[in-house]
């Protein structure tokens, strides 16, 4: 089981990502922000409105989604 990321860890990544964006590195920003766990409520909306394939292939960190809903939720 993955250890959940703390708020301080999420904020540190977010700050670094915004530094990349400010320097003009949009790809770096996008890549780094996807390492922050996607909130389960957002995953639920994406799955319902856009589809499971986008959720699974989007490159997001789904650790909090799995912790909240279980791994099998990602396969339904």
PDB file of N, CA and C in Angstrom:
ATOM      1  N   UNK A   1       0.842  -1.180   0.000  1.00  0.00           N
ATOM      2  CA  UNK A   1       0.000   0.000   0.000  1.00  0.00           C
ATOM      3  C   UNK A   1       0.890   1.247   0.000  1.00  0.00           C
ATOM      4  N   UNK A   2       0.486   2.233  -0.754  1.00  0.00           N
ATOM      5  CA  UNK A   2       1.238   3.480  -0.834  1.00  0.00           C
ATOM      6  C   UNK A   2       0.951   4.352   0.383  1.00  0.00           C
ATOM      7  N   UNK A   3       1.977   5.045   0.832  1.00  0.00           N
ATOM      8  CA  UNK A   3       1.787   6.022   1.896  1.00  0.00           C
ATOM      9  C   UNK A   3       1.184   7.275   1.272  1.00  0.00           C
ATOM     10  N   UNK A   4       0.152   7.802   1.913  1.00  0.00           N
ATOM     11  CA  UNK A   4      -0.498   8.985   1.373  1.00  0.00           C
ATOM     12  C   UNK A   4       0.397  10.208   1.546  1.00  0.00           C
ATOM     13  N   UNK A   5       0.332  11.100   0.589  1.00  0.00           N
ATOM     14  CA  UNK A   5       1.145  12.308   0.584  1.00  0.00           C
ATOM     15  C   UNK A   5       0.562  13.320   1.567  1.00  0.00           C
ATOM     16  N   UNK A   6       1.435  13.958   2.328  1.00  0.00           N
ATOM     17  CA  UNK A   6       0.981  14.968   3.281  1.00  0.00           C
ATOM     18  C   UNK A   6       0.650  16.271   2.540  1.00  0.00           C
ATOM     19  N   UNK A   7      -0.085  17.132   3.211  1.00  0.00           N
ATOM     20  CA  UNK A   7      -0.414  18.438   2.641  1.00  0.00           C
ATOM     21  C   UNK A   7       0.860  19.232   2.373  1.00  0.00           C
ATOM     22  N   UNK A   8       1.822  19.167   3.294  1.00  0.00           N
ATOM     23  CA  UNK A   8       3.085  19.880   3.088  1.00  0.00           C
ATOM     24  C   UNK A   8       3.822  19.377   1.846  1.00  0.00           C
ATOM     25  N   UNK A   9       3.799  18.075   1.625  1.00  0.00           N
ATOM     26  CA  UNK A   9       4.429  17.516   0.424  1.00  0.00           C
ATOM     27  C   UNK A   9       3.721  17.990  -0.845  1.00  0.00           C
ATOM     28  N   UNK A  10       2.401  18.014  -0.798  1.00  0.00           N
ATOM     29  CA  UNK A  10       1.627  18.486  -1.951  1.00  0.00           C
ATOM     30  C   UNK A  10       1.923  19.957  -2.242  1.00  0.00           C
ATOM     31  N   UNK A  11       1.993  20.758  -1.185  1.00  0.00           N
ATOM     32  CA  UNK A  11       2.278  22.182  -1.369  1.00  0.00           C
ATOM     33  C   UNK A  11       3.684  22.411  -1.911  1.00  0.00           C
ATOM     34  N   UNK A  12       4.654  21.637  -1.456  1.00  0.00           N
ATOM     35  CA  UNK A  12       6.023  21.772  -1.953  1.00  0.00           C
ATOM     36  C   UNK A  12       6.094  21.447  -3.441  1.00  0.00           C
ATOM     37  N   UNK A  13       5.409  20.402  -3.860  1.00  0.00           N
ATOM     38  CA  UNK A  13       5.377  20.049  -5.285  1.00  0.00           C
ATOM     39  C   UNK A  13       4.675  21.143  -6.074  1.00  0.00           C
ATOM     40  N   UNK A  14       3.567  21.626  -5.552  1.00  0.00           N
ATOM     41  CA  UNK A  14       2.823  22.687  -6.224  1.00  0.00           C
ATOM     42  C   UNK A  14       3.672  23.940  -6.396  1.00  0.00           C
ATOM     43  N   UNK A  15       4.392  24.319  -5.358  1.00  0.00           N
ATOM     44  CA  UNK A  15       5.264  25.496  -5.448  1.00  0.00           C
ATOM     45  C   UNK A  15       6.338  25.311  -6.508  1.00  0.00           C
ATOM     46  N   UNK A  16       6.957  24.134  -6.546  1.00  0.00           N
ATOM     47  CA  UNK A  16       7.982  23.847  -7.550  1.00  0.00           C
ATOM     48  C   UNK A  16       7.367  23.868  -8.950  1.00  0.00           C
ATOM     49  N   UNK A  17       6.155  23.327  -9.082  1.00  0.00           N
ATOM     50  CA  UNK A  17       5.478  23.317 -10.377  1.00  0.00           C
ATOM     51  C   UNK A  17       5.220  24.744 -10.862  1.00  0.00           C
ATOM     52  N   UNK A  18       4.792  25.621  -9.963  1.00  0.00           N
ATOM     53  CA  UNK A  18       4.546  27.008 -10.368  1.00  0.00           C
ATOM     54  C   UNK A  18       5.834  27.731 -10.728  1.00  0.00           C
ATOM     55  N   UNK A  19       6.940  27.360 -10.093  1.00  0.00           N
ATOM     56  CA  UNK A  19       8.237  27.908 -10.500  1.00  0.00           C
ATOM     57  C   UNK A  19       8.555  27.503 -11.935  1.00  0.00           C
ATOM     58  N   UNK A  20       8.267  26.245 -12.272  1.00  0.00           N
ATOM     59  CA  UNK A  20       8.494  25.782 -13.647  1.00  0.00           C
ATOM     60  C   UNK A  20       7.604  26.545 -14.629  1.00  0.00           C
ATOM     61  N   UNK A  21       6.343  26.724 -14.258  1.00  0.00           N
ATOM     62  CA  UNK A  21       5.421  27.451 -15.125  1.00  0.00           C
ATOM     63  C   UNK A  21       5.874  28.888 -15.322  1.00  0.00           C
ATOM     64  N   UNK A  22       6.288  29.533 -14.236  1.00  0.00           N
ATOM     65  CA  UNK A  22       6.773  30.912 -14.324  1.00  0.00           C
ATOM     66  C   UNK A  22       8.011  31.031 -15.204  1.00  0.00           C
ATOM     67  N   UNK A  23       8.807  29.971 -15.271  1.00  0.00           N
ATOM     68  CA  UNK A  23      10.013  29.993 -16.109  1.00  0.00           C
ATOM     69  C   UNK A  23       9.707  29.598 -17.554  1.00  0.00           C
ATOM     70  N   UNK A  24       8.435  29.311 -17.848  1.00  0.00           N
ATOM     71  CA  UNK A  24       8.044  28.977 -19.211  1.00  0.00           C
ATOM     72  C   UNK A  24       8.024  27.492 -19.519  1.00  0.00           C
ATOM     73  N   UNK A  25       8.228  26.645 -18.517  1.00  0.00           N
ATOM     74  CA  UNK A  25       8.264  25.193 -18.729  1.00  0.00           C
ATOM     75  C   UNK A  25       6.893  24.591 -18.447  1.00  0.00           C
ATOM     76  N   UNK A  26       5.988  24.710 -19.406  1.00  0.00           N
ATOM     77  CA  UNK A  26       4.620  24.194 -19.248  1.00  0.00           C
ATOM     78  C   UNK A  26       4.603  22.670 -19.142  1.00  0.00           C
ATOM     79  N   UNK A  27       5.454  22.005 -19.931  1.00  0.00           N
ATOM     80  CA  UNK A  27       5.499  20.545 -19.871  1.00  0.00           C
ATOM     81  C   UNK A  27       5.969  20.066 -18.505  1.00  0.00           C
ATOM     82  N   UNK A  28       6.995  20.722 -17.964  1.00  0.00           N
ATOM     83  CA  UNK A  28       7.470  20.374 -16.634  1.00  0.00           C
ATOM     84  C   UNK A  28       6.401  20.602 -15.579  1.00  0.00           C
ATOM     85  N   UNK A  29       5.686  21.706 -15.715  1.00  0.00           N
ATOM     86  CA  UNK A  29       4.577  22.018 -14.808  1.00  0.00           C
ATOM     87  C   UNK A  29       3.523  20.918 -14.858  1.00  0.00           C
ATOM     88  N   UNK A  30       3.103  20.555 -16.072  1.00  0.00           N
ATOM     89  CA  UNK A  30       2.075  19.522 -16.222  1.00  0.00           C
ATOM     90  C   UNK A  30       2.542  18.193 -15.645  1.00  0.00           C
ATOM     91  N   UNK A  31       3.768  17.828 -15.943  1.00  0.00           N
ATOM     92  CA  UNK A  31       4.319  16.560 -15.466  1.00  0.00           C
ATOM     93  C   UNK A  31       4.388  16.537 -13.933  1.00  0.00           C
ATOM     94  N   UNK A  32       4.858  17.608 -13.342  1.00  0.00           N
ATOM     95  CA  UNK A  32       5.019  17.655 -11.894  1.00  0.00           C
ATOM     96  C   UNK A  32       3.682  17.709 -11.165  1.00  0.00           C
ATOM     97  N   UNK A  33       2.728  18.470 -11.677  1.00  0.00           N
ATOM     98  CA  UNK A  33       1.438  18.557 -10.988  1.00  0.00           C
ATOM     99  C   UNK A  33       0.703  17.222 -10.991  1.00  0.00           C
ATOM    100  N   UNK A  34       0.962  16.382 -11.979  1.00  0.00           N
ATOM    101  CA  UNK A  34       0.307  15.075 -12.013  1.00  0.00           C
ATOM    102  C   UNK A  34       0.888  14.107 -10.993  1.00  0.00           C
ATOM    103  N   UNK A  35       1.981  14.476 -10.336  1.00  0.00           N
ATOM    104  CA  UNK A  35       2.512  13.627  -9.270  1.00  0.00           C
ATOM    105  C   UNK A  35       1.772  13.858  -7.958  1.00  0.00           C
ATOM    106  N   UNK A  36       1.040  14.964  -7.862  1.00  0.00           N
ATOM    107  CA  UNK A  36       0.193  15.213  -6.698  1.00  0.00           C
ATOM    108  C   UNK A  36      -1.038  14.327  -6.847  1.00  0.00           C
ATOM    109  N   UNK A  37      -1.404  13.571  -5.817  1.00  0.00           N
ATOM    110  CA  UNK A  37      -2.550  12.666  -5.951  1.00  0.00           C
ATOM    111  C   UNK A  37      -3.819  13.394  -6.387  1.00  0.00           C
ATOM    112  N   UNK A  38      -4.494  12.805  -7.353  1.00  0.00           N
ATOM    113  CA  UNK A  38      -5.774  13.333  -7.814  1.00  0.00           C
ATOM    114  C   UNK A  38      -6.805  13.109  -6.713  1.00  0.00           C
ATOM    115  N   UNK A  39      -7.525  14.146  -6.302  1.00  0.00           N
ATOM    116  CA  UNK A  39      -8.547  13.957  -5.273  1.00  0.00           C
ATOM    117  C   UNK A  39      -9.621  12.968  -5.745  1.00  0.00           C
ATOM    118  N   UNK A  40     -10.065  12.084  -4.876  1.00  0.00           N
ATOM    119  CA  UNK A  40     -11.061  11.093  -5.266  1.00  0.00           C
ATOM    120  C   UNK A  40     -12.323  11.688  -5.894  1.00  0.00           C
ATOM    121  N   UNK A  41     -12.797  12.824  -5.382  1.00  0.00           N
ATOM    122  CA  UNK A  41     -14.010  13.414  -5.961  1.00  0.00           C
ATOM    123  C   UNK A  41     -13.782  13.833  -7.410  1.00  0.00           C
ATOM    124  N   UNK A  42     -12.559  14.300  -7.726  1.00  0.00           N
ATOM    125  CA  UNK A  42     -12.263  14.678  -9.112  1.00  0.00           C
ATOM    126  C   UNK A  42     -12.197  13.445 -10.002  1.00  0.00           C
ATOM    127  N   UNK A  43     -11.620  12.365  -9.475  1.00  0.00           N
ATOM    128  CA  UNK A  43     -11.550  11.118 -10.237  1.00  0.00           C
ATOM    129  C   UNK A  43     -12.957  10.610 -10.545  1.00  0.00           C
ATOM    130  N   UNK A  44     -13.836  10.731  -9.584  1.00  0.00           N
ATOM    131  CA  UNK A  44     -15.222  10.278  -9.789  1.00  0.00           C
ATOM    132  C   UNK A  44     -15.893  11.078 -10.908  1.00  0.00           C
ATOM    133  N   UNK A  45     -15.702  12.378 -10.908  1.00  0.00           N
ATOM    134  CA  UNK A  45     -16.283  13.227 -11.953  1.00  0.00           C
ATOM    135  C   UNK A  45     -15.681  12.885 -13.315  1.00  0.00           C
ATOM    136  N   UNK A  46     -14.359  12.744 -13.374  1.00  0.00           N
ATOM    137  CA  UNK A  46     -13.703  12.402 -14.644  1.00  0.00           C
ATOM    138  C   UNK A  46     -14.222  11.073 -15.164  1.00  0.00           C
ATOM    139  N   UNK A  47     -14.305  10.081 -14.280  1.00  0.00           N
ATOM    140  CA  UNK A  47     -14.788   8.761 -14.691  1.00  0.00           C
ATOM    141  C   UNK A  47     -16.212   8.832 -15.228  1.00  0.00           C
ATOM    142  N   UNK A  48     -17.088   9.574 -14.539  1.00  0.00           N
ATOM    143  CA  UNK A  48     -18.487   9.660 -14.944  1.00  0.00           C
ATOM    144  C   UNK A  48     -18.702  10.516 -16.182  1.00  0.00           C
ATOM    145  N   UNK A  49     -17.983  11.622 -16.292  1.00  0.00           N
ATOM    146  CA  UNK A  49     -18.240  12.578 -17.371  1.00  0.00           C
ATOM    147  C   UNK A  49     -17.376  12.374 -18.613  1.00  0.00           C
ATOM    148  N   UNK A  50     -16.145  11.907 -18.429  1.00  0.00           N
ATOM    149  CA  UNK A  50     -15.217  11.799 -19.562  1.00  0.00           C
ATOM    150  C   UNK A  50     -14.892  10.351 -19.892  1.00  0.00           C
ATOM    151  N   UNK A  51     -14.832   9.521 -18.874  1.00  0.00           N
ATOM    152  CA  UNK A  51     -14.602   8.105 -19.099  1.00  0.00           C
ATOM    153  C   UNK A  51     -13.398   7.563 -18.364  1.00  0.00           C
ATOM    154  N   UNK A  52     -13.452   6.269 -18.095  1.00  0.00           N
ATOM    155  CA  UNK A  52     -12.413   5.590 -17.347  1.00  0.00           C
ATOM    156  C   UNK A  52     -11.070   5.605 -18.072  1.00  0.00           C
ATOM    157  N   UNK A  53     -11.070   5.477 -19.395  1.00  0.00           N
ATOM    158  CA  UNK A  53      -9.806   5.448 -20.135  1.00  0.00           C
ATOM    159  C   UNK A  53      -9.010   6.738 -19.952  1.00  0.00           C
ATOM    160  N   UNK A  54      -9.670   7.874 -19.974  1.00  0.00           N
ATOM    161  CA  UNK A  54      -8.981   9.154 -19.749  1.00  0.00           C
ATOM    162  C   UNK A  54      -8.379   9.171 -18.352  1.00  0.00           C
ATOM    163  N   UNK A  55      -9.117   8.680 -17.393  1.00  0.00           N
ATOM    164  CA  UNK A  55      -8.637   8.644 -16.013  1.00  0.00           C
ATOM    165  C   UNK A  55      -7.403   7.748 -15.890  1.00  0.00           C
ATOM    166  N   UNK A  56      -7.466   6.567 -16.477  1.00  0.00           N
ATOM    167  CA  UNK A  56      -6.364   5.615 -16.365  1.00  0.00           C
ATOM    168  C   UNK A  56      -5.151   6.009 -17.197  1.00  0.00           C
ATOM    169  N   UNK A  57      -5.371   6.661 -18.323  1.00  0.00           N
ATOM    170  CA  UNK A  57      -4.268   6.997 -19.222  1.00  0.00           C
ATOM    171  C   UNK A  57      -3.796   8.445 -19.094  1.00  0.00           C
ATOM    172  N   UNK A  58      -4.347   9.182 -18.142  1.00  0.00           N
ATOM    173  CA  UNK A  58      -4.017  10.603 -17.992  1.00  0.00           C
ATOM    174  C   UNK A  58      -2.702  10.887 -17.311  1.00  0.00           C
ATOM    175  N   UNK A  59      -2.085   9.881 -16.721  1.00  0.00           N
ATOM    176  CA  UNK A  59      -0.808  10.082 -16.058  1.00  0.00           C
ATOM    177  C   UNK A  59      -0.910  10.623 -14.645  1.00  0.00           C
ATOM    178  N   UNK A  60      -2.117  10.661 -14.088  1.00  0.00           N
ATOM    179  CA  UNK A  60      -2.305  11.182 -12.732  1.00  0.00           C
ATOM    180  C   UNK A  60      -1.872  10.170 -11.684  1.00  0.00           C
ATOM    181  N   UNK A  61      -1.523  10.691 -10.516  1.00  0.00           N
ATOM    182  CA  UNK A  61      -1.247   9.870  -9.353  1.00  0.00           C
ATOM    183  C   UNK A  61      -2.610   9.495  -8.772  1.00  0.00           C
ATOM    184  N   UNK A  62      -2.942   8.227  -8.784  1.00  0.00           N
ATOM    185  CA  UNK A  62      -4.258   7.771  -8.346  1.00  0.00           C
ATOM    186  C   UNK A  62      -4.215   7.100  -6.971  1.00  0.00           C
ATOM    187  N   UNK A  63      -3.169   7.351  -6.199  1.00  0.00           N
ATOM    188  CA  UNK A  63      -3.015   6.683  -4.908  1.00  0.00           C
ATOM    189  C   UNK A  63      -4.159   6.994  -3.941  1.00  0.00           C
ATOM    190  N   UNK A  64      -4.611   8.235  -3.899  1.00  0.00           N
ATOM    191  CA  UNK A  64      -5.719   8.580  -2.992  1.00  0.00           C
ATOM    192  C   UNK A  64      -7.045   8.031  -3.491  1.00  0.00           C
ATOM    193  N   UNK A  65      -7.181   7.907  -4.796  1.00  0.00           N
ATOM    194  CA  UNK A  65      -8.386   7.306  -5.379  1.00  0.00           C
ATOM    195  C   UNK A  65      -8.466   5.838  -4.967  1.00  0.00           C
ATOM    196  N   UNK A  66      -7.345   5.131  -5.109  1.00  0.00           N
ATOM    197  CA  UNK A  66      -7.315   3.719  -4.715  1.00  0.00           C
ATOM    198  C   UNK A  66      -7.547   3.561  -3.212  1.00  0.00           C
ATOM    199  N   UNK A  67      -6.979   4.442  -2.402  1.00  0.00           N
ATOM    200  CA  UNK A  67      -7.171   4.363  -0.956  1.00  0.00           C
ATOM    201  C   UNK A  67      -8.639   4.595  -0.583  1.00  0.00           C
ATOM    202  N   UNK A  68      -9.302   5.497  -1.299  1.00  0.00           N
ATOM    203  CA  UNK A  68     -10.700   5.839  -0.988  1.00  0.00           C
ATOM    204  C   UNK A  68     -11.690   4.815  -1.550  1.00  0.00           C
ATOM    205  N   UNK A  69     -11.520   4.449  -2.811  1.00  0.00           N
ATOM    206  CA  UNK A  69     -12.512   3.615  -3.491  1.00  0.00           C
ATOM    207  C   UNK A  69     -12.070   2.166  -3.692  1.00  0.00           C
ATOM    208  N   UNK A  70     -10.783   1.878  -3.510  1.00  0.00           N
ATOM    209  CA  UNK A  70     -10.255   0.535  -3.776  1.00  0.00           C
ATOM    210  C   UNK A  70      -9.790   0.416  -5.226  1.00  0.00           C
ATOM    211  N   UNK A  71      -8.847  -0.481  -5.439  1.00  0.00           N
ATOM    212  CA  UNK A  71      -8.269  -0.661  -6.785  1.00  0.00           C
ATOM    213  C   UNK A  71      -9.314  -1.129  -7.796  1.00  0.00           C
ATOM    214  N   UNK A  72     -10.266  -1.943  -7.339  1.00  0.00           N
ATOM    215  CA  UNK A  72     -11.264  -2.481  -8.267  1.00  0.00           C
ATOM    216  C   UNK A  72     -12.144  -1.393  -8.881  1.00  0.00           C
ATOM    217  N   UNK A  73     -12.281  -0.247  -8.185  1.00  0.00           N
ATOM    218  CA  UNK A  73     -13.091   0.858  -8.712  1.00  0.00           C
ATOM    219  C   UNK A  73     -12.513   1.370 -10.024  1.00  0.00           C
ATOM    220  N   UNK A  74     -11.198   1.287 -10.176  1.00  0.00           N
ATOM    221  CA  UNK A  74     -10.533   1.755 -11.393  1.00  0.00           C
ATOM    222  C   UNK A  74     -10.721   0.787 -12.553  1.00  0.00           C
ATOM    223  N   UNK A  75     -11.246  -0.383 -12.291  1.00  0.00           N
ATOM    224  CA  UNK A  75     -11.429  -1.383 -13.345  1.00  0.00           C
ATOM    225  C   UNK A  75     -12.886  -1.602 -13.709  1.00  0.00           C
ATOM    226  N   UNK A  76     -13.783  -0.816 -13.123  1.00  0.00           N
ATOM    227  CA  UNK A  76     -15.221  -0.979 -13.393  1.00  0.00           C
ATOM    228  C   UNK A  76     -15.684  -0.018 -14.444  1.00  0.00           C
TER     229      UNK A  76
END
